[in-house]
Amino acid sequence: MRNIATGTSAAAAARLPDSQRWTIIGLLNAGMIIAYVSRSNLPVALALPDFIRFFHLSDLDRGTLNSAFFWTYAVLQIPAGWLVDRYGVKWPYALSFLFWCLASAGTVLVGSLSELIVLRVILGVGESVVAPASYKWIRLHFAEKERGLAVGVYMAGTKIGPAIGPPLAAWLIVQYDWRMMFLILGLGGLIWLMPWIFLVGNDERPATPRISERTAPAPIRLGQLMASPVTWGTVIVTFCYMYFVYFCITWMPAYFVEQRHQTLSKTGLYTFFSFGGMAIVAVLGGWFADLIIRRGSNPVTVRKSFTIAGLAIACTELIGAHTASVGTAVTFSIVSLSGLGLATANYWAITQTLFPAATIGAMTGVQNCAASIAGIVAPVLTGWLKQKTGNYEAPMNAIWVVLAVGIFSYLILVREKYAPNLTRPS
């Protein structure tokens, strides 16, 4: 029987010194920060009256622009998972990184709404490899008992990026203009490529299979993965989690400017504290879950509990949405998103616990596809609801309904007995 507490990646974890493994985790974190800065700078520009007038944008147009990145990003997640399962992590990631930084910088050249949409679609193509490559590398180099912290540190990048991206973009717009903001943030990210190329070996596909892999059954096919209740529970909770995150990334700046009458600079500060708090809680949540697991608790139970707790705390955003006080609204904006950080490392780490190593690239693609669909639905639905109702009440109410669906699906569907190939030998 496979030992879930240790997993099948312990041998892989021993292949690299700890210092090198954690340095590369830092690089994966930095890569994700740059990715999220690239995808979160547009919402700041969309809160500018000058930008809106230049492109003649309606609320629905703004929602469409915020979602355009995910049209290709979502579609390509499963192919990207296959790509890293087939060719490893190093070079697919490096090439995609170069591609998306150039696409982001290219926004300076646009002159129409259609051109802006095309560049966001191209940006989605470039960033599609990031998550499957990163989770594949972590799965092969970290054992179960330390994987929560590794995923937490990596996933902190998904929160630090949105935390520093909006205030940085706002500052650059104030200092220069929106075109220079896109150029600086796009080309500046290319600095990351040099340490990645020199520090990361292309050893993600060992020539000699490990004993656990040689004795394991044939890899599970995508159809088998999709037949598992665990897959569907994971897909649903990923969508629900990311729906709230992408609402905050794409519409929260406009919400505080238009509904709460705050300045763009203050809005950037609120975003910084919300996502900064989420990053801290994500790391601590992953570390604390690892600690409990090392003391003998069941990994699935522990990570599932942390995930549900994070989703429940996120529901407190409803309190801020229905208060007349700006201070209370800001407080619960920070508390709800920070609390969601308890789920961050753990709902990704539980995927690596319940699915065989050979399928992690593909499964991460499926999971990140669900996250990307949320990136399409959240901004478009929010824009449509706001345009129909004239305010943000309906979009805010939609958030807690989505989060509640995530909680119930996780409780019912994500169970060890439903895991595909759970009994593979170690």
Protein backbone atom coordinates (compact mmCIF):
# COMPACT_ATOMS: atom_id res chain seq x y z
CA MET A 1 0.00 0.00 0.00
CA ARG A 2 1.30 3.43 -0.92
CA ASN A 3 2.31 5.56 2.06
CA ILE A 4 0.44 8.82 1.62
CA ALA A 5 2.33 10.53 4.42
CA THR A 6 5.63 10.22 2.61
CA GLY A 7 4.51 9.98 -1.02
CA THR A 8 6.55 8.62 -3.92
CA SER A 9 8.74 11.67 -4.38
CA ALA A 10 11.11 11.16 -1.45
CA ALA A 11 13.78 9.71 -3.72
CA ALA A 12 13.48 12.65 -6.06
CA ALA A 13 13.71 15.05 -3.15
CA ALA A 14 17.10 13.60 -2.27
CA ARG A 15 18.52 14.23 -5.74
CA LEU A 16 19.24 17.93 -5.06
CA PRO A 17 20.77 19.64 -2.00
CA ASP A 18 18.27 21.44 0.19
CA SER A 19 19.85 24.80 -0.57
CA GLN A 20 19.36 24.30 -4.30
CA ARG A 21 15.81 22.99 -3.95
CA TRP A 22 14.69 25.97 -1.87
CA THR A 23 16.52 28.44 -4.09
CA ILE A 24 14.58 27.08 -7.05
CA ILE A 25 11.36 27.33 -5.04
CA GLY A 26 12.29 31.00 -4.59
CA LEU A 27 12.70 31.29 -8.36
CA LEU A 28 9.33 29.65 -8.95
CA ASN A 29 7.85 32.12 -6.48
CA ALA A 30 9.49 35.05 -8.28
CA GLY A 31 8.32 33.75 -11.66
CA MET A 32 4.75 33.62 -10.43
CA ILE A 33 5.05 37.13 -8.96
CA ILE A 34 6.11 38.43 -12.37
CA ALA A 35 3.30 36.49 -14.05
CA TYR A 36 0.67 38.01 -11.76
CA VAL A 37 2.10 41.50 -12.09
CA SER A 38 1.72 41.07 -15.86
CA ARG A 39 -1.90 39.97 -15.57
CA SER A 40 -2.94 42.41 -12.78
CA ASN A 41 -1.62 45.65 -14.31
CA LEU A 42 -4.50 45.98 -16.80
CA PRO A 43 -7.22 46.24 -14.09
CA VAL A 44 -5.40 49.29 -12.70
CA ALA A 45 -5.43 50.93 -16.13
CA LEU A 46 -9.11 50.03 -16.46
CA ALA A 47 -9.86 52.17 -13.40
CA LEU A 48 -8.45 55.25 -15.20
CA PRO A 49 -11.07 57.54 -16.78
CA ASP A 50 -8.53 58.53 -19.46
CA PHE A 51 -7.88 54.89 -20.37
CA ILE A 52 -11.62 54.17 -20.51
CA ARG A 53 -12.24 57.16 -22.78
CA PHE A 54 -9.27 56.36 -25.02
CA PHE A 55 -10.67 52.91 -25.82
CA HIS A 56 -14.38 53.91 -25.52
CA LEU A 57 -15.07 51.15 -22.98
CA SER A 58 -18.39 50.11 -21.46
CA ASP A 59 -18.57 48.10 -18.23
CA LEU A 60 -19.07 44.95 -20.28
CA ASP A 61 -16.02 45.85 -22.38
CA ARG A 62 -13.99 46.19 -19.19
CA GLY A 63 -15.15 42.79 -18.02
CA THR A 64 -14.32 41.29 -21.41
CA LEU A 65 -10.82 42.79 -21.34
CA ASN A 66 -10.20 41.43 -17.86
CA SER A 67 -11.21 37.97 -19.03
CA ALA A 68 -9.40 37.92 -22.41
CA PHE A 69 -6.16 36.65 -20.88
CA PHE A 70 -7.94 33.51 -19.73
CA TRP A 71 -9.46 32.56 -23.08
CA THR A 72 -6.20 30.98 -24.19
CA TYR A 73 -4.76 30.44 -20.72
CA ALA A 74 -7.66 28.15 -19.82
CA VAL A 75 -7.72 26.23 -23.11
CA LEU A 76 -3.98 25.57 -23.02
CA GLN A 77 -3.69 24.34 -19.43
CA ILE A 78 -4.16 20.66 -20.24
CA PRO A 79 -1.82 20.77 -23.29
CA ALA A 80 0.70 22.64 -21.12
CA GLY A 81 0.46 19.88 -18.51
CA TRP A 82 1.16 17.29 -21.18
CA LEU A 83 4.09 19.40 -22.42
CA VAL A 84 5.89 19.42 -19.08
CA ASP A 85 5.10 15.74 -18.46
CA ARG A 86 6.70 15.02 -21.83
CA TYR A 87 9.59 17.51 -22.06
CA GLY A 88 10.36 18.54 -18.49
CA VAL A 89 10.22 21.91 -16.80
CA LYS A 90 13.29 24.00 -17.59
CA TRP A 91 13.06 24.95 -21.26
CA PRO A 92 9.27 25.03 -21.76
CA TYR A 93 9.08 27.40 -18.80
CA ALA A 94 11.99 29.59 -19.98
CA LEU A 95 10.62 30.00 -23.50
CA SER A 96 7.09 30.74 -22.31
CA PHE A 97 8.46 33.30 -19.84
CA LEU A 98 10.28 35.17 -22.61
CA PHE A 99 7.14 35.10 -24.76
CA TRP A 100 4.79 36.53 -22.14
CA CYS A 101 7.15 39.32 -21.02
CA LEU A 102 7.42 40.54 -24.61
CA ALA A 103 3.65 40.32 -25.04
CA SER A 104 3.09 42.37 -21.87
CA ALA A 105 5.56 45.04 -22.98
CA GLY A 106 3.90 45.11 -26.39
CA THR A 107 0.78 46.68 -24.86
CA VAL A 108 2.53 50.01 -25.33
CA LEU A 109 1.87 49.67 -29.08
CA VAL A 110 -1.90 49.14 -29.01
CA GLY A 111 -4.31 51.71 -30.36
CA SER A 112 -7.70 49.98 -30.31
CA LEU A 113 -9.84 47.71 -28.16
CA SER A 114 -9.41 44.77 -30.53
CA GLU A 115 -5.60 45.09 -30.45
CA LEU A 116 -5.65 45.22 -26.67
CA ILE A 117 -7.75 42.05 -26.54
CA VAL A 118 -5.37 40.26 -28.92
CA LEU A 119 -2.35 41.07 -26.74
CA ARG A 120 -4.11 39.81 -23.61
CA VAL A 121 -4.95 36.60 -25.45
CA ILE A 122 -1.27 36.24 -26.41
CA LEU A 123 -0.26 36.89 -22.81
CA GLY A 124 -2.47 33.95 -21.80
CA VAL A 125 -0.62 31.70 -24.25
CA GLY A 126 2.73 32.66 -22.75
CA GLU A 127 1.72 32.13 -19.13
CA SER A 128 -0.07 28.80 -19.69
CA VAL A 129 3.02 26.70 -18.85
CA VAL A 130 3.77 28.37 -15.50
CA ALA A 131 1.57 26.41 -13.10
CA PRO A 132 1.92 22.90 -14.61
CA ALA A 133 5.71 23.32 -14.78
CA SER A 134 5.99 24.62 -11.23
CA TYR A 135 3.82 21.95 -9.62
CA LYS A 136 5.56 19.23 -11.60
CA TRP A 137 8.94 20.37 -10.29
CA ILE A 138 7.66 20.51 -6.70
CA ARG A 139 6.05 17.06 -6.95
CA LEU A 140 9.33 15.51 -8.12
CA HIS A 141 11.60 17.22 -5.60
CA PHE A 142 9.62 17.43 -2.34
CA ALA A 143 8.18 14.70 -0.13
CA GLU A 144 4.68 14.93 1.35
CA LYS A 145 5.87 16.06 4.80
CA GLU A 146 7.52 19.21 3.36
CA ARG A 147 5.37 19.78 0.28
CA GLY A 148 2.85 22.05 1.98
CA LEU A 149 5.55 24.60 2.80
CA ALA A 150 7.08 24.29 -0.68
CA VAL A 151 3.70 24.84 -2.34
CA GLY A 152 2.92 27.62 0.15
CA VAL A 153 6.13 29.51 -0.66
CA TYR A 154 5.56 29.05 -4.38
CA MET A 155 1.88 30.00 -4.18
CA ALA A 156 2.76 33.08 -2.14
CA GLY A 157 3.91 34.45 -5.49
CA THR A 158 0.31 34.35 -6.71
CA LYS A 159 -0.54 36.70 -3.86
CA ILE A 160 2.58 38.87 -3.75
CA GLY A 161 2.16 39.56 -7.47
CA PRO A 162 -1.36 40.99 -7.08
CA ALA A 163 -0.21 42.70 -3.86
CA ILE A 164 2.64 44.66 -5.42
CA GLY A 165 1.35 44.78 -9.01
CA PRO A 166 -1.51 47.29 -8.61
CA PRO A 167 0.35 49.81 -6.40
CA LEU A 168 3.43 49.53 -8.61
CA ALA A 169 1.33 49.97 -11.75
CA ALA A 170 -0.51 52.91 -10.16
CA TRP A 171 2.79 54.55 -9.19
CA LEU A 172 4.22 54.12 -12.68
CA ILE A 173 1.05 55.57 -14.22
CA VAL A 174 1.24 58.59 -11.91
CA GLN A 175 4.95 59.06 -12.62
CA TYR A 176 4.73 58.46 -16.39
CA ASP A 177 1.60 57.13 -18.12
CA TRP A 178 -0.15 53.81 -18.74
CA ARG A 179 1.96 52.98 -21.81
CA MET A 180 5.26 53.35 -19.96
CA MET A 181 3.82 51.28 -17.11
CA PHE A 182 3.22 48.32 -19.43
CA LEU A 183 6.66 48.69 -21.04
CA ILE A 184 8.60 48.82 -17.76
CA LEU A 185 6.73 45.95 -16.11
CA GLY A 186 6.95 43.79 -19.24
CA LEU A 187 10.64 44.14 -20.04
CA GLY A 188 11.69 44.32 -16.40
CA GLY A 189 10.58 40.75 -15.82
CA LEU A 190 13.19 39.39 -18.23
CA ILE A 191 15.82 39.71 -15.49
CA TRP A 192 14.41 36.48 -14.03
CA LEU A 193 15.53 34.35 -16.97
CA MET A 194 19.26 34.36 -16.23
CA PRO A 195 19.20 32.69 -12.78
CA TRP A 196 16.56 30.23 -14.02
CA ILE A 197 18.69 29.07 -16.94
CA PHE A 198 21.87 28.75 -14.85
CA LEU A 199 20.42 27.23 -11.64
CA VAL A 200 17.78 24.77 -12.87
CA GLY A 201 18.90 21.49 -14.37
CA ASN A 202 16.80 19.73 -16.97
CA ASP A 203 16.56 16.64 -14.75
CA GLU A 204 12.81 16.45 -14.42
CA ARG A 205 12.72 13.30 -16.58
CA PRO A 206 15.24 10.88 -15.01
CA ALA A 207 16.62 8.31 -17.44
CA THR A 208 16.19 5.47 -14.97
CA PRO A 209 12.74 5.28 -13.39
CA ARG A 210 12.60 5.17 -9.63
CA ILE A 211 11.65 1.88 -8.01
CA SER A 212 8.24 3.22 -7.09
CA GLU A 213 7.63 4.23 -10.70
CA ARG A 214 8.87 0.92 -12.14
CA THR A 215 6.54 -1.10 -9.93
CA ALA A 216 3.57 1.19 -10.42
CA PRO A 217 0.74 0.50 -12.85
CA ALA A 218 0.65 2.24 -16.22
CA PRO A 219 -0.04 5.99 -16.03
CA ILE A 220 -3.64 6.97 -15.62
CA ARG A 221 -5.23 8.43 -18.75
CA LEU A 222 -6.99 11.78 -18.78
CA GLY A 223 -10.35 10.04 -19.10
CA GLN A 224 -9.64 8.07 -15.91
CA LEU A 225 -8.71 11.26 -14.09
CA MET A 226 -11.94 12.94 -15.15
CA ALA A 227 -13.97 9.93 -13.99
CA SER A 228 -12.78 10.39 -10.40
CA PRO A 229 -15.02 12.30 -7.92
CA VAL A 230 -11.80 13.73 -6.44
CA THR A 231 -11.03 15.37 -9.77
CA TRP A 232 -14.43 16.99 -9.93
CA GLY A 233 -14.32 18.10 -6.30
CA THR A 234 -10.92 19.61 -6.96
CA VAL A 235 -12.09 21.29 -10.16
CA ILE A 236 -15.14 22.83 -8.45
CA VAL A 237 -13.25 24.14 -5.42
CA THR A 238 -10.50 25.53 -7.65
CA PHE A 239 -13.07 27.42 -9.69
CA CYS A 240 -14.77 28.77 -6.55
CA TYR A 241 -11.50 29.78 -4.88
CA MET A 242 -10.23 31.53 -8.00
CA TYR A 243 -13.56 33.21 -8.73
CA PHE A 244 -13.09 35.31 -5.60
CA VAL A 245 -9.38 35.87 -6.28
CA TYR A 246 -10.00 37.05 -9.83
CA PHE A 247 -12.86 39.28 -8.77
CA CYS A 248 -10.41 40.96 -6.40
CA ILE A 249 -7.70 41.23 -9.06
CA THR A 250 -9.89 42.50 -11.89
CA TRP A 251 -12.69 44.52 -10.25
CA MET A 252 -11.62 45.42 -6.71
CA PRO A 253 -9.63 48.50 -7.83
CA ALA A 254 -12.65 49.81 -9.75
CA TYR A 255 -14.96 48.89 -6.83
CA PHE A 256 -13.07 51.07 -4.36
CA VAL A 257 -12.75 53.94 -6.86
CA GLU A 258 -16.37 53.91 -8.08
CA GLN A 259 -18.39 52.52 -5.16
CA ARG A 260 -16.29 53.71 -2.21
CA HIS A 261 -14.90 56.88 -3.87
CA GLN A 262 -11.28 56.15 -3.00
CA THR A 263 -8.25 57.37 -4.94
CA LEU A 264 -6.30 55.07 -7.24
CA SER A 265 -3.29 55.23 -4.90
CA LYS A 266 -5.38 54.18 -1.88
CA THR A 267 -6.93 51.38 -3.91
CA GLY A 268 -3.47 50.06 -4.74
CA LEU A 269 -2.63 50.13 -1.03
CA TYR A 270 -5.77 48.15 -0.11
CA THR A 271 -4.89 45.57 -2.74
CA PHE A 272 -1.35 45.36 -1.38
CA PHE A 273 -2.52 44.56 2.15
CA SER A 274 -5.19 42.11 0.99
CA PHE A 275 -2.93 40.01 -1.21
CA GLY A 276 0.09 40.55 1.04
CA GLY A 277 -1.88 39.12 3.96
CA MET A 278 -2.97 36.23 1.77
CA ALA A 279 0.66 35.48 0.86
CA ILE A 280 1.70 35.37 4.52
CA VAL A 281 -1.22 33.16 5.52
CA ALA A 282 -0.57 30.86 2.53
CA VAL A 283 3.00 30.19 3.68
CA LEU A 284 2.03 29.79 7.34
CA GLY A 285 -0.94 27.59 6.43
CA GLY A 286 1.25 25.28 4.36
CA TRP A 287 3.92 25.14 7.08
CA PHE A 288 1.45 24.47 9.88
CA ALA A 289 -0.32 21.75 7.89
CA ASP A 290 3.07 20.09 7.26
CA LEU A 291 3.80 20.25 10.99
CA ILE A 292 0.53 18.52 11.87
CA ILE A 293 1.15 15.86 9.20
CA ARG A 294 4.68 15.18 10.49
CA ARG A 295 3.16 14.50 13.90
CA GLY A 296 1.12 11.67 12.41
CA SER A 297 -2.16 13.19 11.23
CA ASN A 298 -3.74 12.11 7.97
CA PRO A 299 -2.54 14.44 5.15
CA VAL A 300 -5.85 14.45 3.32
CA THR A 301 -7.86 15.29 6.44
CA VAL A 302 -5.46 18.06 7.45
CA ARG A 303 -5.24 19.73 4.07
CA LYS A 304 -8.97 19.38 3.46
CA SER A 305 -9.73 21.06 6.81
CA PHE A 306 -7.42 23.98 6.06
CA THR A 307 -9.01 24.42 2.64
CA ILE A 308 -12.55 24.51 3.97
CA ALA A 309 -11.56 26.94 6.74
CA GLY A 310 -10.02 29.28 4.18
CA LEU A 311 -13.15 29.28 2.01
CA ALA A 312 -15.33 29.93 5.06
CA ILE A 313 -13.27 32.94 6.14
CA ALA A 314 -13.42 34.29 2.58
CA CYS A 315 -17.22 34.46 2.90
CA THR A 316 -16.80 37.35 5.38
CA GLU A 317 -16.34 39.62 2.34
CA LEU A 318 -20.15 39.79 2.37
CA ILE A 319 -19.97 41.80 5.64
CA GLY A 320 -17.75 44.43 4.05
CA ALA A 321 -19.91 44.57 0.95
CA HIS A 322 -23.06 45.49 2.90
CA THR A 323 -21.62 48.09 5.26
CA ALA A 324 -21.76 51.85 4.79
CA SER A 325 -18.36 52.26 6.45
CA VAL A 326 -15.33 52.46 4.17
CA GLY A 327 -13.11 51.33 7.03
CA THR A 328 -15.19 48.21 7.62
CA ALA A 329 -15.29 47.46 3.91
CA VAL A 330 -11.50 47.72 3.71
CA THR A 331 -11.06 45.59 6.84
CA PHE A 332 -13.14 42.71 5.54
CA SER A 333 -11.59 43.02 2.10
CA ILE A 334 -8.26 42.30 3.79
CA VAL A 335 -9.56 39.69 6.26
CA SER A 336 -11.53 37.68 3.70
CA LEU A 337 -8.74 37.45 1.14
CA SER A 338 -6.04 36.86 3.77
CA GLY A 339 -8.10 34.10 5.37
CA LEU A 340 -8.49 32.40 2.01
CA GLY A 341 -4.72 31.90 2.19
CA LEU A 342 -5.31 28.94 4.55
CA ALA A 343 -6.59 27.06 1.51
CA THR A 344 -3.89 28.16 -0.92
CA ALA A 345 -1.04 25.71 -0.31
CA ASN A 346 -3.29 22.95 0.93
CA TYR A 347 -5.80 22.59 -1.89
CA TRP A 348 -2.91 22.35 -4.35
CA ALA A 349 -0.84 20.04 -2.12
CA ILE A 350 -3.74 17.63 -1.64
CA THR A 351 -3.81 17.16 -5.41
CA GLN A 352 -0.20 16.00 -5.25
CA THR A 353 -1.15 13.63 -2.42
CA LEU A 354 -4.10 11.97 -4.13
CA PHE A 355 -2.78 11.70 -7.69
CA PRO A 356 0.21 9.67 -8.98
CA ALA A 357 3.38 11.57 -9.89
CA ALA A 358 3.16 10.59 -13.56
CA THR A 359 -0.15 12.47 -13.89
CA ILE A 360 0.70 15.66 -11.96
CA GLY A 361 1.38 17.75 -15.06
CA ALA A 362 -1.92 16.74 -16.65
CA MET A 363 -3.91 17.02 -13.40
CA THR A 364 -2.41 20.43 -12.67
CA GLY A 365 -3.46 21.42 -16.18
CA VAL A 366 -7.02 20.31 -15.46
CA GLN A 367 -7.03 22.12 -12.14
CA ASN A 368 -5.53 25.30 -13.52
CA CYS A 369 -7.97 25.16 -16.43
CA ALA A 370 -10.77 25.39 -13.85
CA ALA A 371 -8.96 28.32 -12.25
CA SER A 372 -8.69 30.01 -15.62
CA ILE A 373 -12.37 29.52 -16.40
CA ALA A 374 -13.01 31.39 -13.16
CA GLY A 375 -10.78 34.11 -14.57
CA ILE A 376 -13.13 34.35 -17.54
CA VAL A 377 -16.41 34.11 -15.63
CA ALA A 378 -15.65 36.39 -12.66
CA PRO A 379 -14.80 39.59 -14.56
CA VAL A 380 -17.43 39.12 -17.28
CA LEU A 381 -20.23 38.19 -14.88
CA THR A 382 -19.27 41.05 -12.58
CA GLY A 383 -19.28 43.53 -15.47
CA TRP A 384 -22.63 42.24 -16.73
CA LEU A 385 -24.24 42.34 -13.26
CA LYS A 386 -22.93 45.84 -12.61
CA GLN A 387 -24.14 47.08 -15.97
CA LYS A 388 -27.59 45.57 -15.39
CA THR A 389 -28.02 46.76 -11.78
CA GLY A 390 -25.92 49.91 -11.75
CA ASN A 391 -23.97 48.97 -8.61
CA TYR A 392 -21.77 46.30 -7.03
CA GLU A 393 -24.35 44.66 -4.72
CA ALA A 394 -25.24 41.77 -7.05
CA PRO A 395 -21.59 41.00 -7.94
CA MET A 396 -20.70 40.92 -4.25
CA ASN A 397 -23.61 38.60 -3.41
CA ALA A 398 -22.48 36.23 -6.15
CA ILE A 399 -19.13 35.76 -4.38
CA TRP A 400 -20.39 34.06 -1.24
CA VAL A 401 -22.76 31.82 -3.24
CA VAL A 402 -19.80 30.58 -5.29
CA LEU A 403 -17.66 30.05 -2.17
CA ALA A 404 -20.45 28.07 -0.48
CA VAL A 405 -20.66 25.76 -3.50
CA GLY A 406 -16.91 25.16 -3.17
CA ILE A 407 -17.18 24.21 0.50
CA PHE A 408 -19.94 21.67 -0.05
CA SER A 409 -18.28 20.09 -3.08
CA TYR A 410 -15.02 19.65 -1.20
CA LEU A 411 -16.79 18.05 1.76
CA ILE A 412 -18.61 15.54 -0.42
CA LEU A 413 -16.25 14.69 -3.28
CA VAL A 414 -12.64 15.04 -2.10
CA ARG A 415 -12.06 11.79 -0.18
CA GLU A 416 -9.23 9.28 -0.12
CA LYS A 417 -11.50 6.41 -1.18
CA TYR A 418 -12.26 8.23 -4.43
CA ALA A 419 -8.60 8.91 -5.32
CA PRO A 420 -7.46 7.34 -8.63
CA ASN A 421 -4.86 4.59 -8.17
CA LEU A 422 -4.61 5.25 -4.44
CA THR A 423 -3.37 1.75 -3.76
CA ARG A 424 -0.38 1.83 -6.10
CA PRO A 425 2.66 0.20 -4.42
CA SER A 426 5.54 2.26 -3.00
